[in-house]
Protein backbone atom coordinates (compact mmCIF):
# COMPACT_ATOMS: atom_id res chain seq x y z
CA MET A 1 20.22 3.50 17.06
CA LEU A 2 18.13 2.07 14.34
CA ASP A 3 19.92 -0.11 11.65
CA TYR A 4 18.62 0.75 8.18
CA ASN A 5 20.67 -2.00 7.04
CA VAL A 6 18.13 -4.78 7.87
CA ASP A 7 17.78 -7.47 5.24
CA LEU A 8 14.04 -7.90 4.14
CA ALA A 9 14.97 -10.51 1.34
CA GLY A 10 13.04 -13.18 3.40
CA VAL A 11 10.18 -11.18 4.10
CA PRO A 12 6.97 -11.73 2.42
CA PHE A 13 5.63 -8.79 0.72
CA GLU A 14 2.34 -8.87 2.22
CA GLU A 15 4.01 -8.68 5.61
CA ARG A 16 6.12 -5.72 4.70
CA SER A 17 5.27 -1.78 5.66
CA PHE A 18 5.26 0.94 3.18
CA GLY A 19 5.16 4.66 3.51
CA VAL A 20 3.03 6.66 1.42
CA LYS A 21 5.57 7.62 -1.01
CA GLU A 22 6.80 4.12 -1.55
CA ALA A 23 3.06 2.89 -1.68
CA ALA A 24 2.41 5.43 -4.33
CA LYS A 25 5.61 4.30 -6.14
CA ILE A 26 4.33 0.76 -5.82
CA LEU A 27 0.94 1.45 -7.48
CA GLY A 28 1.97 3.73 -10.17
CA ILE A 29 -0.04 6.73 -8.45
CA SER A 30 0.72 10.10 -6.74
CA ARG A 31 0.85 10.35 -3.23
CA THR A 32 -2.16 12.73 -3.06
CA ARG A 33 -3.90 9.88 -4.74
CA VAL A 34 -2.87 7.60 -2.19
CA PHE A 35 -4.03 9.69 0.57
CA GLU A 36 -7.39 9.89 -1.39
CA LYS A 37 -7.74 6.40 -1.58
CA ILE A 38 -7.13 5.99 2.19
CA GLY A 39 -9.59 8.82 3.16
CA THR A 40 -12.47 6.90 1.06
CA GLY A 41 -11.68 3.63 2.85
CA ALA A 42 -10.34 1.85 -0.45
CA LEU A 43 -6.56 1.38 0.76
CA ARG A 44 -6.21 0.28 4.21
CA SER A 45 -3.54 1.94 6.39
CA TYR A 46 -2.43 2.48 9.82
CA LYS A 47 -0.46 5.38 11.73
CA ASP A 48 2.79 4.35 13.59
CA GLY A 49 3.89 7.68 15.34
CA GLY A 50 3.51 10.59 12.74
CA SER A 51 3.65 8.40 9.67
CA ARG A 52 0.96 6.71 7.65
CA ARG A 53 1.82 3.24 6.44
CA VAL A 54 0.31 0.70 4.22
CA THR A 55 1.22 -2.91 4.55
CA GLY A 56 1.95 -4.98 1.17
CA LYS A 57 -1.18 -6.90 1.99
CA ALA A 58 -3.29 -3.89 1.97
CA LEU A 59 -1.46 -2.95 -1.63
CA LYS A 60 -2.55 -6.39 -2.91
CA LEU A 61 -6.24 -6.33 -1.76
CA TYR A 62 -6.44 -2.84 -3.35
CA ARG A 63 -4.71 -4.00 -6.71
CA GLU A 64 -7.14 -7.17 -6.61
CA SER A 65 -10.28 -5.13 -5.99
CA LEU A 66 -9.34 -2.78 -8.79
CA GLU A 67 -8.96 -5.99 -11.18
CA ALA A 68 -12.53 -7.55 -9.92
CA GLU A 69 -14.06 -4.10 -10.75
CA ALA A 70 -12.60 -4.04 -14.36
CA GLU A 71 -13.50 -7.29 -14.89
CA ALA A 72 -17.15 -6.75 -13.81
CA GLN A 73 -17.22 -3.82 -16.04
CA ALA A 74 -15.88 -5.68 -18.77
CA ALA A 75 -18.78 -8.37 -18.43
């Protein structure tokens, strides 16, 4: 039986894994948009059984790429 009360307090954000719904909430976009970003390769993910997962590291890299793009456009 799975223990859903696992304490992740000591696990760094980059090492955590999130479902698409959670990733969408973190990024402030819709689930559909997350799947679009995954499909284009802008957001890396992996399959775990029937679930699509996104790591904290992938979310951080995606946000950094958006910031870099915005800075480049502003220059």
